[in-house]
C-alpha atoms as a PDB file:
ATOM      1  CA  UNK A   1     -53.001 -42.270  13.187  1.00  0.00           C
ATOM      2  CA  UNK A   2     -52.115 -39.751  10.061  1.00  0.00           C
ATOM      3  CA  UNK A   3     -49.455 -42.447   8.919  1.00  0.00           C
ATOM      4  CA  UNK A   4     -52.068 -45.002   8.937  1.00  0.00           C
ATOM      5  CA  UNK A   5     -54.568 -43.304   7.038  1.00  0.00           C
ATOM      6  CA  UNK A   6     -52.526 -42.097   4.126  1.00  0.00           C
ATOM      7  CA  UNK A   7     -51.181 -45.808   3.484  1.00  0.00           C
ATOM      8  CA  UNK A   8     -55.204 -46.885   3.441  1.00  0.00           C
ATOM      9  CA  UNK A   9     -55.864 -43.435   1.025  1.00  0.00           C
ATOM     10  CA  UNK A  10     -52.622 -45.118  -1.447  1.00  0.00           C
ATOM     11  CA  UNK A  11     -53.776 -48.275  -1.705  1.00  0.00           C
ATOM     12  CA  UNK A  12     -57.153 -46.924  -3.313  1.00  0.00           C
ATOM     13  CA  UNK A  13     -57.712 -46.563  -6.858  1.00  0.00           C
ATOM     14  CA  UNK A  14     -57.815 -42.797  -7.643  1.00  0.00           C
ATOM     15  CA  UNK A  15     -61.052 -43.627  -9.015  1.00  0.00           C
ATOM     16  CA  UNK A  16     -62.432 -44.533  -5.188  1.00  0.00           C
ATOM     17  CA  UNK A  17     -60.588 -41.562  -3.488  1.00  0.00           C
ATOM     18  CA  UNK A  18     -62.965 -38.752  -1.851  1.00  0.00           C
ATOM     19  CA  UNK A  19     -62.272 -35.468  -2.497  1.00  0.00           C
ATOM     20  CA  UNK A  20     -60.924 -35.266   1.112  1.00  0.00           C
ATOM     21  CA  UNK A  21     -58.425 -37.813   0.573  1.00  0.00           C
ATOM     22  CA  UNK A  22     -57.057 -36.239  -2.679  1.00  0.00           C
ATOM     23  CA  UNK A  23     -56.386 -33.204  -0.600  1.00  0.00           C
ATOM     24  CA  UNK A  24     -54.520 -35.187   1.930  1.00  0.00           C
ATOM     25  CA  UNK A  25     -52.279 -36.539  -1.120  1.00  0.00           C
ATOM     26  CA  UNK A  26     -52.106 -33.391  -2.981  1.00  0.00           C
ATOM     27  CA  UNK A  27     -51.004 -32.238   0.480  1.00  0.00           C
ATOM     28  CA  UNK A  28     -47.781 -34.870   0.513  1.00  0.00           C
ATOM     29  CA  UNK A  29     -46.387 -33.369  -2.783  1.00  0.00           C
ATOM     30  CA  UNK A  30     -46.024 -30.583  -1.358  1.00  0.00           C
ATOM     31  CA  UNK A  31     -44.005 -31.753   1.346  1.00  0.00           C
ATOM     32  CA  UNK A  32     -42.328 -33.857  -1.111  1.00  0.00           C
ATOM     33  CA  UNK A  33     -41.756 -30.586  -3.314  1.00  0.00           C
ATOM     34  CA  UNK A  34     -38.137 -28.328  -2.605  1.00  0.00           C
ATOM     35  CA  UNK A  35     -40.269 -25.301  -4.320  1.00  0.00           C
ATOM     36  CA  UNK A  36     -42.488 -25.642  -1.510  1.00  0.00           C
ATOM     37  CA  UNK A  37     -42.471 -22.651   1.093  1.00  0.00           C
ATOM     38  CA  UNK A  38     -42.477 -22.821   4.744  1.00  0.00           C
ATOM     39  CA  UNK A  39     -45.486 -21.178   4.735  1.00  0.00           C
ATOM     40  CA  UNK A  40     -47.028 -23.904   2.887  1.00  0.00           C
ATOM     41  CA  UNK A  41     -45.701 -26.448   4.637  1.00  0.00           C
ATOM     42  CA  UNK A  42     -46.622 -25.880   7.825  1.00  0.00           C
ATOM     43  CA  UNK A  43     -50.524 -25.454   6.000  1.00  0.00           C
ATOM     44  CA  UNK A  44     -49.620 -28.872   4.224  1.00  0.00           C
ATOM     45  CA  UNK A  45     -48.541 -30.675   7.639  1.00  0.00           C
ATOM     46  CA  UNK A  46     -51.513 -29.250   9.229  1.00  0.00           C
ATOM     47  CA  UNK A  47     -53.913 -29.998   7.359  1.00  0.00           C
ATOM     48  CA  UNK A  48     -52.943 -33.831   7.191  1.00  0.00           C
ATOM     49  CA  UNK A  49     -51.912 -34.162  11.314  1.00  0.00           C
ATOM     50  CA  UNK A  50     -54.348 -31.535  12.874  1.00  0.00           C
ATOM     51  CA  UNK A  51     -58.391 -30.810  13.315  1.00  0.00           C
ATOM     52  CA  UNK A  52     -59.311 -27.491  11.623  1.00  0.00           C
ATOM     53  CA  UNK A  53     -60.371 -26.392  15.449  1.00  0.00           C
ATOM     54  CA  UNK A  54     -56.731 -26.643  16.668  1.00  0.00           C
ATOM     55  CA  UNK A  55     -54.770 -25.250  13.708  1.00  0.00           C
ATOM     56  CA  UNK A  56     -54.929 -21.655  14.665  1.00  0.00           C
ATOM     57  CA  UNK A  57     -52.742 -22.805  17.917  1.00  0.00           C
ATOM     58  CA  UNK A  58     -50.366 -24.674  16.043  1.00  0.00           C
ATOM     59  CA  UNK A  59     -49.828 -21.552  13.830  1.00  0.00           C
ATOM     60  CA  UNK A  60     -49.252 -18.949  16.728  1.00  0.00           C
ATOM     61  CA  UNK A  61     -46.868 -22.001  18.319  1.00  0.00           C
ATOM     62  CA  UNK A  62     -44.530 -22.238  15.418  1.00  0.00           C
ATOM     63  CA  UNK A  63     -44.265 -17.709  15.027  1.00  0.00           C
ATOM     64  CA  UNK A  64     -43.718 -17.884  18.319  1.00  0.00           C
ATOM     65  CA  UNK A  65     -41.342 -20.597  18.049  1.00  0.00           C
ATOM     66  CA  UNK A  66     -39.949 -19.288  15.046  1.00  0.00           C
ATOM     67  CA  UNK A  67     -38.399 -15.739  16.545  1.00  0.00           C
ATOM     68  CA  UNK A  68     -37.322 -17.768  19.434  1.00  0.00           C
ATOM     69  CA  UNK A  69     -35.209 -20.005  17.386  1.00  0.00           C
ATOM     70  CA  UNK A  70     -34.059 -16.669  15.130  1.00  0.00           C
ATOM     71  CA  UNK A  71     -32.953 -15.257  17.673  1.00  0.00           C
ATOM     72  CA  UNK A  72     -31.084 -17.087  19.771  1.00  0.00           C
ATOM     73  CA  UNK A  73     -27.977 -18.952  18.240  1.00  0.00           C
ATOM     74  CA  UNK A  74     -27.817 -21.335  20.748  1.00  0.00           C
ATOM     75  CA  UNK A  75     -30.865 -23.061  19.733  1.00  0.00           C
ATOM     76  CA  UNK A  76     -30.554 -22.440  15.865  1.00  0.00           C
ATOM     77  CA  UNK A  77     -27.132 -24.251  16.901  1.00  0.00           C
ATOM     78  CA  UNK A  78     -28.555 -27.362  18.362  1.00  0.00           C
ATOM     79  CA  UNK A  79     -31.425 -27.399  15.909  1.00  0.00           C
ATOM     80  CA  UNK A  80     -29.269 -27.613  12.772  1.00  0.00           C
ATOM     81  CA  UNK A  81     -26.667 -30.086  14.078  1.00  0.00           C
ATOM     82  CA  UNK A  82     -29.369 -32.273  15.586  1.00  0.00           C
ATOM     83  CA  UNK A  83     -31.377 -32.312  12.076  1.00  0.00           C
ATOM     84  CA  UNK A  84     -31.127 -33.550   8.709  1.00  0.00           C
ATOM     85  CA  UNK A  85     -29.948 -31.420   6.557  1.00  0.00           C
ATOM     86  CA  UNK A  86     -32.529 -32.534   3.739  1.00  0.00           C
ATOM     87  CA  UNK A  87     -35.353 -34.813   2.942  1.00  0.00           C
ATOM     88  CA  UNK A  88     -35.327 -38.495   4.063  1.00  0.00           C
ATOM     89  CA  UNK A  89     -35.992 -40.745   1.746  1.00  0.00           C
ATOM     90  CA  UNK A  90     -37.921 -43.735   3.525  1.00  0.00           C
ATOM     91  CA  UNK A  91     -38.153 -45.953   0.102  1.00  0.00           C
ATOM     92  CA  UNK A  92     -34.566 -45.644   0.038  1.00  0.00           C
ATOM     93  CA  UNK A  93     -32.777 -48.347   1.806  1.00  0.00           C
END
């Protein structure tokens, strides 16, 4: 599972991390950055959670779903009401 892998990577000292592990952590930082574009966030998530061979399927699905949401105000309204307006800080309790 991606979250378990990330936890293990984060617990390692920087010099013990592989290049792939460093890249996953860089993706996490992109996701946290408010200036990261929606497309960059999608790629970061795919990089962390989806094997390379399956990523194109998710890119296409995202593109189609984004268009459907944009064209349907009812769906957009439901999503807006049921999703967080800002990032959720899991450390903040």
